[in-house]
Amino acid sequence: MIQATRRHVLTLTAGAVAAFAGGAIGIAPARADEEAFQAAIRDFTGGVEPQAGRVTLTLPDAVENGSSVPVSVAVESAMSDGDLVEELAIFADGNPLPGVAAFAFTARSGVASAGTRIRLAQSQTVVAIARFADGSVFMDSRAVEVTVGGCAA
Protein backbone atom coordinates (compact mmCIF):
# COMPACT_ATOMS: atom_id res chain seq x y z
CA MET A 1 0.00 0.00 0.00
CA ILE A 2 1.29 3.43 -0.94
CA GLN A 3 1.17 6.08 1.69
CA ALA A 4 0.25 9.45 0.31
CA THR A 5 2.02 12.21 2.11
CA ARG A 6 1.02 15.81 1.83
CA ARG A 7 4.09 16.43 -0.37
CA HIS A 8 3.09 13.61 -2.75
CA VAL A 9 -0.48 14.89 -3.05
CA LEU A 10 0.71 18.45 -3.72
CA THR A 11 3.26 17.25 -6.29
CA LEU A 12 0.70 15.10 -8.11
CA THR A 13 -1.87 17.90 -8.07
CA ALA A 14 0.62 20.44 -9.41
CA GLY A 15 1.71 17.97 -12.09
CA ALA A 16 -1.89 17.29 -13.13
CA VAL A 17 -2.66 21.01 -13.33
CA ALA A 18 0.49 21.65 -15.37
CA ALA A 19 -0.29 18.76 -17.73
CA PHE A 20 -3.87 19.93 -18.18
CA ALA A 21 -2.81 23.54 -18.81
CA GLY A 22 -0.06 22.47 -21.19
CA GLY A 23 -2.42 20.16 -23.02
CA ALA A 24 -5.09 22.80 -23.26
CA ILE A 25 -2.64 25.34 -24.62
CA GLY A 26 -1.31 22.82 -27.08
CA ILE A 27 -4.82 21.93 -28.30
CA ALA A 28 -6.33 25.38 -28.51
CA PRO A 29 -5.77 26.89 -31.97
CA ALA A 30 -4.31 30.37 -32.17
CA ARG A 31 -6.30 30.83 -35.35
CA ALA A 32 -9.25 29.22 -37.04
CA ASP A 33 -8.24 26.22 -39.07
CA GLU A 34 -8.91 26.14 -42.80
CA GLU A 35 -11.96 23.90 -42.33
CA ALA A 36 -13.58 26.33 -39.85
CA PHE A 37 -12.86 29.23 -42.22
CA GLN A 38 -14.38 27.40 -45.21
CA ALA A 39 -17.34 26.25 -43.10
CA ALA A 40 -18.09 29.86 -42.04
CA ILE A 41 -18.08 30.94 -45.68
CA ARG A 42 -20.18 27.94 -46.74
CA ASP A 43 -22.73 28.72 -44.01
CA PHE A 44 -23.00 32.31 -45.23
CA THR A 45 -23.23 31.49 -48.94
CA GLY A 46 -25.48 28.46 -48.49
CA GLY A 47 -22.98 26.39 -50.44
CA VAL A 48 -22.95 28.68 -53.50
CA GLU A 49 -19.44 29.23 -54.85
CA PRO A 50 -18.63 32.97 -54.66
CA GLN A 51 -17.66 34.67 -57.93
CA ALA A 52 -15.05 37.41 -58.20
CA GLY A 53 -16.27 40.91 -58.98
CA ARG A 54 -18.93 43.44 -57.98
CA VAL A 55 -17.42 43.66 -54.46
CA THR A 56 -14.61 46.08 -53.62
CA LEU A 57 -12.79 45.50 -50.32
CA THR A 58 -10.58 48.35 -49.14
CA LEU A 59 -8.09 48.07 -46.29
CA PRO A 60 -4.38 48.83 -45.83
CA ASP A 61 -1.81 46.38 -47.23
CA ALA A 62 0.14 46.60 -43.96
CA VAL A 63 -0.79 47.72 -40.45
CA GLU A 64 1.40 48.18 -37.40
CA ASN A 65 -1.30 47.30 -34.87
CA GLY A 66 -4.01 44.76 -35.68
CA SER A 67 -6.34 45.92 -32.90
CA SER A 68 -8.15 48.50 -35.05
CA VAL A 69 -7.83 48.05 -38.79
CA PRO A 70 -10.06 50.28 -40.95
CA VAL A 71 -11.96 48.35 -43.60
CA SER A 72 -14.66 49.34 -46.07
CA VAL A 73 -16.66 47.31 -48.56
CA ALA A 74 -18.74 48.54 -51.49
CA VAL A 75 -20.90 46.38 -53.75
CA GLU A 76 -22.00 47.29 -57.28
CA SER A 77 -25.77 47.00 -57.11
CA ALA A 78 -28.83 48.96 -58.20
CA MET A 79 -30.42 48.00 -54.85
CA SER A 80 -33.75 47.28 -56.52
CA ASP A 81 -35.79 44.07 -56.65
CA GLY A 82 -33.83 42.65 -59.60
CA ASP A 83 -30.41 43.56 -58.23
CA LEU A 84 -30.55 43.66 -54.46
CA VAL A 85 -27.76 42.91 -51.97
CA GLU A 86 -29.32 41.24 -48.94
CA GLU A 87 -26.24 40.69 -46.81
CA LEU A 88 -22.54 41.43 -46.72
CA ALA A 89 -20.03 39.61 -44.52
CA ILE A 90 -16.34 39.94 -43.76
CA PHE A 91 -14.18 36.92 -42.89
CA ALA A 92 -10.55 36.65 -41.75
CA ASP A 93 -8.75 33.32 -42.06
CA GLY A 94 -6.14 34.05 -39.38
CA ASN A 95 -8.45 35.12 -36.56
CA PRO A 96 -9.58 32.71 -33.81
CA LEU A 97 -13.15 33.15 -35.12
CA PRO A 98 -13.27 33.61 -38.92
CA GLY A 99 -16.51 35.64 -39.04
CA VAL A 100 -15.59 39.27 -38.41
CA ALA A 101 -18.62 41.39 -39.38
CA ALA A 102 -21.98 41.14 -41.14
CA PHE A 103 -24.27 43.81 -42.53
CA ALA A 104 -27.88 43.47 -43.73
CA PHE A 105 -29.42 45.65 -46.46
CA THR A 106 -32.83 46.35 -47.93
CA ALA A 107 -33.92 48.29 -51.00
CA ARG A 108 -34.33 51.30 -48.69
CA SER A 109 -30.60 51.16 -47.92
CA GLY A 110 -29.96 52.83 -51.27
CA VAL A 111 -26.37 51.63 -51.53
CA ALA A 112 -24.66 48.45 -50.43
CA SER A 113 -21.57 49.66 -48.66
CA ALA A 114 -20.22 49.54 -45.13
CA GLY A 115 -17.18 50.67 -43.21
CA THR A 116 -15.88 49.65 -39.80
CA ARG A 117 -12.73 48.77 -37.89
CA ILE A 118 -11.79 45.16 -37.28
CA ARG A 119 -9.28 43.23 -35.19
CA LEU A 120 -6.74 41.02 -36.92
CA ALA A 121 -4.75 38.48 -34.94
CA GLN A 122 -1.89 38.21 -37.43
CA SER A 123 -0.98 38.66 -41.09
CA GLN A 124 -3.75 37.05 -43.08
CA THR A 125 -6.29 37.26 -45.86
CA VAL A 126 -9.51 39.22 -45.36
CA VAL A 127 -12.50 38.22 -47.50
CA ALA A 128 -15.71 40.20 -48.15
CA ILE A 129 -18.69 38.33 -49.57
CA ALA A 130 -22.01 39.80 -50.75
CA ARG A 131 -25.13 37.67 -51.01
CA PHE A 132 -27.76 38.91 -53.49
CA ALA A 133 -31.53 38.34 -53.33
CA ASP A 134 -31.38 36.21 -56.49
CA GLY A 135 -29.01 33.79 -54.75
CA SER A 136 -25.83 34.91 -56.49
CA VAL A 137 -22.73 35.50 -54.37
CA PHE A 138 -19.74 37.74 -55.14
CA MET A 139 -16.49 38.31 -53.26
CA ASP A 140 -13.23 40.21 -52.99
CA SER A 141 -10.18 39.48 -50.84
CA ARG A 142 -7.00 41.23 -49.71
CA ALA A 143 -3.87 40.07 -47.92
CA VAL A 144 -2.88 42.20 -44.92
CA GLU A 145 0.50 42.28 -43.16
CA VAL A 146 0.03 42.79 -39.39
CA THR A 147 3.08 43.72 -37.27
CA VAL A 148 1.42 43.33 -33.83
CA GLY A 149 -1.68 41.15 -33.57
CA GLY A 150 -4.83 42.70 -32.18
CA CYS A 151 -6.51 39.65 -30.66
CA ALA A 152 -4.23 39.13 -27.64
CA ALA A 153 -5.79 39.41 -24.22
Foldseek 3Di string as FASTA:
>chain_A
DDDDDPVNVVVVVVVVVVVVVVVVVVPQDQFDDPVQLVVVVCVVLVNADAAADQKDKDWDQEDAEQQWTKIKMFGDFQLDPVTNWAKKWKFWRGHNHGTWDMDGDHSVVRTPMDIGITFFQAWTKMKMKTATPVSHIHIDMGTYGYNHGNPDD
